[in-house]
Amino acid sequence: MQKTKVAIVGMGTVGSGVARLLLDYGDRTARHAGRTLWLEQVVVRDTSKVRDVELPKGILSDDLTRITSDPEIKVVAHLVGGLEPARTIMIKLLESGKDVVTANKALLAEHGPELFDLARELGRSISFEASVAGGIPIIANISQCLTANQVTALDAILNGTSNFILTQMEERGWSYAEAVAEAQKLGYAEADPTLDVDGSDAAQKLAILAHLAFGARVHWSEIPRQGIDRLESADMNYARELGYRVKLLAVAQLVADGLELHVSPTLVRIGTPLAEVRRAYNAISVVGDAVGRVFFHGQGAGQMPTASAVVADMIDTVVGRAALTFRILRLWSQEHARVAPRDHARVPGRFYLRFDVEDRPGVMADITGVLGRHGISIASVIQHEATEPDKPVVPLVIMTHQTTEGASRDAVAEIDRLACVRSGSVRMRVRD
């Protein structure tokens, strides 16, 4: 059978999985590609590192020119994380005539326009299914399968680490710190989990999906985001009492005056598909004007799910589908954005508010007075009796009626300044 030479740059967890699929299941990939994907070279930073895949002798090196100088290598899996040297490596691969498959969502979110313009100029393609939601084929579905639709809304759980942490806090009653420690122990969270828990990772992925679905050109850092690090297990309990679960939700919704974009911990109604996504899984709900609502659920990270997406992109590239899609879609082109983000302060919604307040008369009046001045009406209140009669501070939970992001934000800021309120207030959106 005819063979096409391919290569891998970066042999971490995902790179090892890609190598395993190419080496151990070559007959499978050949069946779909119509030719053998022959792993010719693997380039890494440290060749002495122990890896969990056995490579053929002589293909592992730390010399990128073994790929860039070989005209027979057509496709390269670019599996280097971070921004640099990942950006420089991708540029060298493109300039040497290689089509690239990448899993680096941070690189695309930061340097997508530059890299895609270069690929177009050189007649090359960049495929990136693995950059968002791991093994879930969301890129292909939005950019190909759903193109008869105008996508009108995306609601997504795009960070498995945060979802795992929230699941442990709800199911086991653990503190945020305990849940983070467990996520680190199991390999779901890095030693520094900041990018996962502060919403940055989800915002990078949302920026990519918003570009695909809506033609939005927004830098991920401009997407309003709020993390989960201020939540307590008590918030999980109150949410459940109200009929909800808390999820770190990435939202893009097309409305008359622009595109609503944000990432934030959100109360999602129990029994709906997103509320039932547990542990480190990802999910994306997509609404199209023709197809209606469709739902994607699966492992959003991990060695083999992500490797599955990478190898599928390599097959598409080898058979020529990727080049056609890349050329037609003109992703991250210099064309004007089809839609602009709307003013986040005007985004409507209901909100969950939790305050730690002094247990004395008049406190409720003070708080409702502030809410009233900001035009916010109350849907329900939870204030349980103090379990310790002499405890001076008790939690107060308020669910609002429909208001706006700006009004709720300003009201909470004013309430936080009241003498009867202690620091640590929590504000979360509600997605009914």
Protein backbone atom coordinates (compact mmCIF):
# COMPACT_ATOMS: atom_id res chain seq x y z
CA MET A 1 0.00 0.00 0.00
CA GLN A 2 1.17 3.54 -0.76
CA LYS A 3 2.55 5.40 2.25
CA THR A 4 2.74 9.04 3.29
CA LYS A 5 5.49 10.02 5.69
CA VAL A 6 4.40 11.93 8.79
CA ALA A 7 6.17 13.24 11.89
CA ILE A 8 5.51 14.31 15.45
CA VAL A 9 7.00 17.28 17.32
CA GLY A 10 6.54 16.85 21.05
CA MET A 11 6.29 13.47 22.75
CA GLY A 12 4.43 14.23 25.94
CA THR A 13 1.24 12.51 27.00
CA VAL A 14 -0.67 13.28 23.80
CA GLY A 15 2.32 12.75 21.51
CA SER A 16 2.85 9.30 22.97
CA GLY A 17 -0.81 8.50 22.31
CA VAL A 18 -0.54 9.67 18.71
CA ALA A 19 2.56 7.53 18.17
CA ARG A 20 0.79 4.52 19.64
CA LEU A 21 -2.18 4.92 17.27
CA LEU A 22 0.08 5.32 14.25
CA LEU A 23 2.38 2.42 15.14
CA ASP A 24 -0.01 -0.09 16.69
CA TYR A 25 -3.10 0.58 14.59
CA GLY A 26 -1.58 1.44 11.23
CA ASP A 27 -3.99 -0.89 9.44
CA ARG A 28 -6.90 1.09 10.86
CA THR A 29 -5.55 4.48 9.82
CA ALA A 30 -4.57 3.08 6.40
CA ARG A 31 -8.12 1.84 5.88
CA HIS A 32 -9.51 5.35 6.39
CA ALA A 33 -6.70 7.23 4.65
CA GLY A 34 -6.27 4.86 1.71
CA ARG A 35 -2.56 4.77 2.46
CA THR A 36 -0.22 4.10 5.36
CA LEU A 37 0.65 7.01 7.63
CA TRP A 38 4.33 6.18 8.11
CA LEU A 39 5.86 7.69 11.25
CA GLU A 40 9.21 8.86 9.92
CA GLN A 41 10.51 11.24 12.61
CA VAL A 42 9.78 12.26 16.20
CA VAL A 43 11.43 15.42 17.53
CA VAL A 44 11.54 16.21 21.25
CA ARG A 45 13.39 18.56 23.55
CA ASP A 46 14.88 15.81 25.74
CA THR A 47 15.69 12.50 24.06
CA SER A 48 16.72 10.88 27.36
CA LYS A 49 13.27 11.15 28.91
CA VAL A 50 11.48 7.85 29.50
CA ARG A 51 8.32 7.55 27.40
CA ASP A 52 5.45 5.08 27.54
CA VAL A 53 5.61 4.12 23.87
CA GLU A 54 8.30 2.13 22.09
CA LEU A 55 9.48 3.95 18.99
CA PRO A 56 11.27 2.37 16.03
CA LYS A 57 15.01 2.73 16.27
CA GLY A 58 16.53 5.88 14.85
CA ILE A 59 13.43 8.08 14.53
CA LEU A 60 13.73 10.00 17.84
CA SER A 61 15.88 13.13 17.92
CA ASP A 62 16.06 16.70 19.19
CA ASP A 63 16.82 18.10 15.74
CA LEU A 64 13.86 19.82 14.05
CA THR A 65 15.74 19.98 10.74
CA ARG A 66 15.33 16.22 10.41
CA ILE A 67 11.70 17.09 9.69
CA THR A 68 11.96 20.46 7.98
CA SER A 69 14.69 19.31 5.57
CA ASP A 70 12.88 16.12 4.51
CA PRO A 71 10.56 16.89 1.57
CA GLU A 72 8.92 13.47 1.84
CA ILE A 73 7.41 14.29 5.25
CA LYS A 74 4.05 15.83 4.37
CA VAL A 75 2.14 16.15 7.67
CA VAL A 76 3.40 17.01 11.16
CA ALA A 77 1.56 16.63 14.45
CA HIS A 78 2.57 19.75 16.38
CA LEU A 79 2.12 18.74 20.01
CA VAL A 80 4.15 21.41 21.79
CA GLY A 81 2.37 23.37 24.52
CA GLY A 82 2.57 27.05 25.43
CA LEU A 83 3.34 29.99 23.15
CA GLU A 84 7.10 29.75 22.62
CA PRO A 85 8.87 27.89 21.16
CA ALA A 86 5.57 26.46 19.89
CA ARG A 87 4.91 29.47 17.63
CA THR A 88 8.41 29.45 16.15
CA ILE A 89 8.28 25.70 15.56
CA MET A 90 4.96 25.94 13.73
CA ILE A 91 6.28 28.73 11.52
CA LYS A 92 9.33 26.64 10.62
CA LEU A 93 7.13 23.66 9.79
CA LEU A 94 4.86 25.72 7.54
CA GLU A 95 7.76 27.43 5.81
CA SER A 96 9.35 24.05 5.09
CA GLY A 97 6.21 22.93 3.24
CA LYS A 98 4.49 20.86 5.92
CA ASP A 99 0.79 20.72 6.70
CA VAL A 100 0.31 20.97 10.45
CA VAL A 101 -2.06 19.34 12.93
CA THR A 102 -2.02 20.93 16.38
CA ALA A 103 -3.61 20.50 19.80
CA ASN A 104 -2.36 23.85 21.14
CA LYS A 105 -5.44 25.98 21.80
CA ALA A 106 -3.44 28.69 23.61
CA LEU A 107 -1.28 29.21 20.53
CA LEU A 108 -4.29 29.49 18.22
CA ALA A 109 -6.16 31.79 20.59
CA GLU A 110 -3.13 34.08 20.82
CA HIS A 111 -1.53 33.88 17.35
CA GLY A 112 -4.27 32.39 15.15
CA PRO A 113 -4.46 35.27 12.61
CA GLU A 114 -0.68 35.33 12.06
CA LEU A 115 -0.31 31.57 11.70
CA PHE A 116 -3.37 31.04 9.50
CA ASP A 117 -2.40 33.91 7.20
CA LEU A 118 1.07 32.39 6.84
CA ALA A 119 -0.37 28.95 6.08
CA ARG A 120 -2.65 30.41 3.39
CA GLU A 121 0.23 32.38 1.86
CA LEU A 122 2.32 29.20 1.68
CA GLY A 123 -0.50 26.98 0.42
CA ARG A 124 -0.46 24.87 3.58
CA SER A 125 -3.17 23.93 6.10
CA ILE A 126 -3.53 23.92 9.88
CA SER A 127 -5.96 21.47 11.51
CA PHE A 128 -6.86 21.78 15.16
CA GLU A 129 -9.70 19.46 16.23
CA ALA A 130 -7.78 18.43 19.35
CA SER A 131 -7.40 22.03 20.55
CA VAL A 132 -10.97 22.19 21.93
CA ALA A 133 -12.72 19.50 23.98
CA GLY A 134 -10.21 16.69 23.37
CA GLY A 135 -11.93 13.70 21.82
CA ILE A 136 -15.23 15.50 21.11
CA PRO A 137 -15.36 16.33 17.37
CA ILE A 138 -16.76 19.81 17.90
CA ILE A 139 -14.51 21.65 15.41
CA ALA A 140 -15.54 19.41 12.52
CA ASN A 141 -19.19 19.57 13.46
CA ILE A 142 -19.34 23.36 13.64
CA SER A 143 -17.11 24.03 10.62
CA GLN A 144 -18.54 21.28 8.38
CA CYS A 145 -21.55 19.30 9.55
CA LEU A 146 -23.59 22.29 10.77
CA THR A 147 -22.76 24.75 8.00
CA ALA A 148 -26.34 24.73 6.69
CA ASN A 149 -27.22 26.52 9.95
CA GLN A 150 -26.70 29.87 11.51
CA VAL A 151 -25.52 28.82 14.95
CA THR A 152 -27.37 30.97 17.47
CA ALA A 153 -26.03 29.70 20.80
CA LEU A 154 -23.24 27.70 22.39
CA ASP A 155 -23.33 26.61 26.03
CA ALA A 156 -20.31 24.56 26.97
CA ILE A 157 -18.31 22.92 29.72
CA LEU A 158 -14.85 23.23 28.20
CA ASN A 159 -12.55 22.64 31.15
CA GLY A 160 -12.54 19.15 32.65
CA THR A 161 -10.36 20.15 35.60
CA SER A 162 -12.88 22.70 36.84
CA ASN A 163 -15.76 20.30 36.24
CA PHE A 164 -13.97 17.62 38.25
CA ILE A 165 -13.38 20.06 41.13
CA LEU A 166 -17.01 21.20 41.17
CA THR A 167 -18.22 17.58 41.06
CA GLN A 168 -16.12 16.67 44.09
CA MET A 169 -17.31 19.72 46.01
CA GLU A 170 -20.93 18.82 45.31
CA GLU A 171 -20.83 15.04 45.71
CA ARG A 172 -18.34 14.75 48.55
CA GLY A 173 -18.83 18.05 50.30
CA TRP A 174 -15.13 18.81 49.91
CA SER A 175 -13.68 22.28 50.15
CA TYR A 176 -12.29 23.89 47.04
CA ALA A 177 -8.73 23.25 48.27
CA GLU A 178 -9.44 19.56 48.94
CA ALA A 179 -10.98 19.10 45.48
CA VAL A 180 -8.02 20.82 43.80
CA ALA A 181 -5.59 18.57 45.67
CA GLU A 182 -7.47 15.48 44.47
CA ALA A 183 -7.48 16.78 40.88
CA GLN A 184 -3.72 17.26 41.09
CA LYS A 185 -3.22 13.80 42.57
CA LEU A 186 -5.14 12.21 39.67
CA GLY A 187 -3.36 14.27 37.04
CA TYR A 188 -6.36 16.41 36.07
CA ALA A 189 -4.81 19.62 37.42
CA GLU A 190 -1.33 21.09 37.07
CA ALA A 191 0.78 22.05 40.07
CA ASP A 192 -0.43 25.58 39.35
CA PRO A 193 -4.09 25.17 38.28
CA THR A 194 -4.72 28.88 37.74
CA LEU A 195 -5.45 28.79 33.99
CA ASP A 196 -8.04 26.04 34.53
CA VAL A 197 -9.83 27.43 37.57
CA ASP A 198 -9.83 31.14 36.67
CA GLY A 199 -11.64 30.57 33.36
CA SER A 200 -8.69 31.38 31.06
CA ASP A 201 -8.49 27.93 29.48
CA ALA A 202 -12.23 27.89 28.78
CA ALA A 203 -12.05 31.45 27.39
CA GLN A 204 -9.30 30.44 24.93
CA LYS A 205 -11.44 27.56 23.68
CA LEU A 206 -14.56 29.73 23.55
CA ALA A 207 -12.71 32.29 21.42
CA ILE A 208 -11.93 29.52 18.90
CA LEU A 209 -15.52 28.23 18.85
CA ALA A 210 -16.95 31.75 18.56
CA HIS A 211 -14.74 32.40 15.55
CA LEU A 212 -15.89 29.19 13.88
CA ALA A 213 -19.58 29.52 14.71
CA PHE A 214 -20.11 33.27 14.40
CA GLY A 215 -17.12 34.75 12.58
CA ALA A 216 -16.23 36.68 15.74
CA ARG A 217 -12.73 38.12 15.97
CA VAL A 218 -12.23 38.54 19.68
CA HIS A 219 -9.07 37.92 21.64
CA TRP A 220 -9.65 35.41 24.41
CA SER A 221 -8.43 37.86 27.06
CA GLU A 222 -11.28 40.22 26.13
CA ILE A 223 -13.91 37.62 26.99
CA PRO A 224 -15.34 38.40 30.47
CA ARG A 225 -14.50 35.52 32.77
CA GLN A 226 -14.89 34.55 36.39
CA GLY A 227 -13.30 31.58 38.09
CA ILE A 228 -14.45 28.99 40.60
CA ASP A 229 -11.84 29.62 43.31
CA ARG A 230 -14.18 31.67 45.53
CA LEU A 231 -16.88 29.00 45.68
CA GLU A 232 -17.53 26.86 48.74
CA SER A 233 -19.21 23.51 49.12
CA ALA A 234 -22.08 25.43 50.72
CA ASP A 235 -22.75 27.02 47.33
CA MET A 236 -23.15 23.55 45.84
CA ASN A 237 -25.64 22.70 48.59
CA TYR A 238 -27.66 25.88 48.14
CA ALA A 239 -27.72 25.39 44.38
CA ARG A 240 -29.03 21.85 44.82
CA GLU A 241 -31.67 23.09 47.27
CA LEU A 242 -32.81 25.51 44.56
CA GLY A 243 -32.84 22.77 41.90
CA TYR A 244 -29.52 23.53 40.21
CA ARG A 245 -25.91 22.40 39.89
CA VAL A 246 -22.92 24.70 39.49
CA LYS A 247 -20.87 24.41 36.28
CA LEU A 248 -18.11 26.58 34.83
CA LEU A 249 -19.99 27.52 31.70
CA ALA A 250 -18.65 29.10 28.50
CA VAL A 251 -21.47 30.89 26.69
CA ALA A 252 -21.77 32.44 23.24
CA GLN A 253 -25.22 33.63 22.20
CA LEU A 254 -26.18 35.62 19.13
CA VAL A 255 -28.62 38.46 19.86
CA ALA A 256 -29.83 41.51 17.97
CA ASP A 257 -27.09 43.86 19.17
CA GLY A 258 -24.12 41.49 18.98
CA LEU A 259 -22.63 38.37 20.49
CA GLU A 260 -22.92 37.58 24.17
CA LEU A 261 -19.64 36.01 25.34
CA HIS A 262 -18.60 35.05 28.86
CA VAL A 263 -17.13 32.30 31.03
CA SER A 264 -18.38 32.01 34.60
CA PRO A 265 -19.62 29.60 37.27
CA THR A 266 -23.29 29.18 36.49
CA LEU A 267 -26.31 27.50 38.08
CA VAL A 268 -27.69 24.98 35.57
CA ARG A 269 -31.06 23.32 36.13
CA ILE A 270 -30.77 19.73 37.42
CA GLY A 271 -32.02 17.26 34.83
CA THR A 272 -30.81 19.21 31.83
CA PRO A 273 -27.92 17.64 29.87
CA LEU A 274 -25.24 20.11 30.95
CA ALA A 275 -26.12 19.69 34.63
CA GLU A 276 -25.48 15.95 34.39
CA VAL A 277 -21.91 16.27 33.05
CA ARG A 278 -19.76 14.87 35.85
CA ARG A 279 -16.10 14.64 36.78
CA ALA A 280 -13.57 15.60 34.08
CA TYR A 281 -15.93 15.34 31.11
CA ASN A 282 -16.67 18.14 28.64
CA ALA A 283 -19.90 18.95 26.85
CA ILE A 284 -21.13 21.45 24.27
CA SER A 285 -24.73 22.36 23.54
CA VAL A 286 -25.14 23.94 20.10
CA VAL A 287 -28.30 25.57 18.77
CA GLY A 288 -28.70 26.02 15.01
CA ASP A 289 -31.59 27.77 13.31
CA ALA A 290 -32.31 24.71 11.15
CA VAL A 291 -31.20 21.72 13.21
CA GLY A 292 -32.32 22.99 16.61
CA ARG A 293 -30.33 21.93 19.67
CA VAL A 294 -27.63 19.26 19.43
CA PHE A 295 -25.48 18.03 22.28
CA PHE A 296 -21.91 16.74 22.34
CA HIS A 297 -20.48 14.96 25.38
CA GLY A 298 -17.24 13.12 26.02
CA GLN A 299 -13.73 13.17 27.39
CA GLY A 300 -12.33 16.63 26.88
CA ALA A 301 -8.73 15.74 27.68
CA GLY A 302 -6.48 12.78 28.32
CA GLN A 303 -3.99 10.89 26.23
CA MET A 304 -6.06 8.72 23.93
CA PRO A 305 -9.16 10.91 23.44
CA THR A 306 -6.95 13.83 22.38
CA ALA A 307 -4.70 11.55 20.31
CA SER A 308 -7.85 10.29 18.57
CA ALA A 309 -8.63 13.84 17.40
CA VAL A 310 -5.04 14.46 16.29
CA VAL A 311 -4.82 11.30 14.19
CA ALA A 312 -8.25 11.97 12.64
CA ASP A 313 -6.94 15.38 11.53
CA MET A 314 -3.80 13.73 10.14
CA ILE A 315 -5.95 11.37 8.09
CA ASP A 316 -8.08 14.27 6.81
CA THR A 317 -4.91 16.13 5.86
CA VAL A 318 -3.37 13.17 4.03
CA VAL A 319 -6.48 12.53 1.95
CA GLY A 320 -6.92 16.22 1.09
CA ARG A 321 -10.08 17.07 2.99
CA ALA A 322 -8.28 19.41 5.39
CA ALA A 323 -6.83 21.51 2.58
CA LEU A 324 -10.27 22.02 1.02
CA THR A 325 -11.86 22.97 4.34
CA PHE A 326 -8.99 25.25 5.27
CA ARG A 327 -9.11 27.11 1.97
CA ILE A 328 -12.89 27.52 1.86
CA LEU A 329 -13.46 28.54 5.48
CA ARG A 330 -10.69 31.18 5.49
CA LEU A 331 -10.37 30.89 9.25
CA TRP A 332 -8.74 33.80 11.06
CA SER A 333 -8.54 35.74 7.82
CA GLN A 334 -8.22 39.51 7.69
CA GLU A 335 -11.85 39.82 6.61
CA HIS A 336 -14.07 41.94 8.81
CA ALA A 337 -15.71 40.16 11.72
CA ARG A 338 -19.29 39.17 10.94
CA VAL A 339 -20.41 39.99 14.47
CA ALA A 340 -19.07 42.05 17.38
CA PRO A 341 -19.29 41.25 21.10
CA ARG A 342 -22.13 43.07 22.82
CA ASP A 343 -21.61 45.26 25.88
CA HIS A 344 -21.21 42.74 28.69
CA ALA A 345 -22.85 45.04 31.21
CA ARG A 346 -26.10 44.83 29.20
CA VAL A 347 -26.21 41.02 29.08
CA PRO A 348 -29.47 39.94 30.77
CA GLY A 349 -29.88 37.10 33.23
CA ARG A 350 -30.87 35.89 36.63
CA PHE A 351 -28.32 35.67 39.43
CA TYR A 352 -27.47 33.70 42.54
CA LEU A 353 -26.07 35.93 45.28
CA ARG A 354 -24.55 34.76 48.57
CA PHE A 355 -23.54 37.13 51.34
CA ASP A 356 -22.13 36.51 54.80
CA VAL A 357 -24.07 38.95 56.95
CA GLU A 358 -24.45 39.91 60.57
CA ASP A 359 -27.30 38.07 62.26
CA ARG A 360 -29.28 41.08 63.46
CA PRO A 361 -32.46 43.03 62.60
CA GLY A 362 -32.37 45.41 59.64
CA VAL A 363 -29.80 43.58 57.57
CA MET A 364 -32.31 42.31 55.02
CA ALA A 365 -33.75 45.78 54.62
CA ASP A 366 -30.30 47.23 53.96
CA ILE A 367 -29.55 44.64 51.27
CA THR A 368 -32.95 44.74 49.56
CA GLY A 369 -32.72 48.53 49.56
CA VAL A 370 -29.51 48.38 47.52
CA LEU A 371 -30.98 45.80 45.14
CA GLY A 372 -34.07 47.95 44.68
CA ARG A 373 -32.01 51.03 43.83
CA HIS A 374 -30.39 49.00 41.05
CA GLY A 375 -33.73 47.79 39.76
CA ILE A 376 -33.24 44.19 40.90
CA SER A 377 -36.20 42.24 42.25
CA ILE A 378 -35.89 39.13 44.41
CA ALA A 379 -37.24 35.75 43.32
CA SER A 380 -36.39 33.79 46.48
CA VAL A 381 -34.32 33.92 49.67
CA ILE A 382 -32.60 31.24 51.73
CA GLN A 383 -31.48 32.04 55.24
CA HIS A 384 -31.33 29.04 57.51
CA GLU A 385 -31.35 29.43 61.24
CA ALA A 386 -27.89 29.63 62.74
CA THR A 387 -26.76 26.26 64.08
CA GLU A 388 -24.75 28.13 66.69
CA PRO A 389 -26.96 30.70 68.45
CA ASP A 390 -24.06 32.94 69.36
CA LYS A 391 -22.55 32.94 65.87
CA PRO A 392 -22.47 36.58 64.71
CA VAL A 393 -22.43 35.93 60.92
CA VAL A 394 -24.78 33.81 58.80
CA PRO A 395 -25.04 33.16 55.03
CA LEU A 396 -27.83 34.84 53.07
CA VAL A 397 -28.68 33.49 49.61
CA ILE A 398 -30.76 35.49 47.15
CA MET A 399 -32.04 34.44 43.73
CA THR A 400 -32.93 37.42 41.55
CA HIS A 401 -35.45 37.89 38.81
CA GLN A 402 -34.20 38.95 35.37
CA THR A 403 -31.74 41.83 35.50
CA THR A 404 -28.46 42.69 33.76
CA GLU A 405 -24.83 41.82 34.34
CA GLY A 406 -23.98 45.45 35.05
CA ALA A 407 -26.81 46.02 37.52
CA SER A 408 -26.04 42.86 39.48
CA ARG A 409 -22.31 43.58 39.52
CA ASP A 410 -22.77 47.15 40.73
CA ALA A 411 -25.35 46.13 43.35
CA VAL A 412 -23.09 43.45 44.82
CA ALA A 413 -20.17 45.89 44.93
CA GLU A 414 -22.34 48.34 46.90
CA ILE A 415 -23.68 45.62 49.21
CA ASP A 416 -20.11 44.48 49.92
CA ARG A 417 -19.43 47.94 51.33
CA LEU A 418 -22.25 47.71 53.89
CA ALA A 419 -21.08 47.43 57.48
CA CYS A 420 -23.32 44.39 58.04
CA VAL A 421 -21.69 42.37 55.22
CA ARG A 422 -18.44 40.47 55.49
CA SER A 423 -16.03 39.92 52.60
CA GLY A 424 -16.34 36.88 50.33
CA SER A 425 -19.63 37.52 48.54
CA VAL A 426 -20.45 35.19 45.64
CA ARG A 427 -22.34 36.10 42.47
CA MET A 428 -23.18 33.49 39.83
CA ARG A 429 -25.30 33.53 36.73
CA VAL A 430 -28.35 31.27 36.44
CA ARG A 431 -28.99 29.43 33.15
CA ASP A 432 -32.60 28.23 33.10
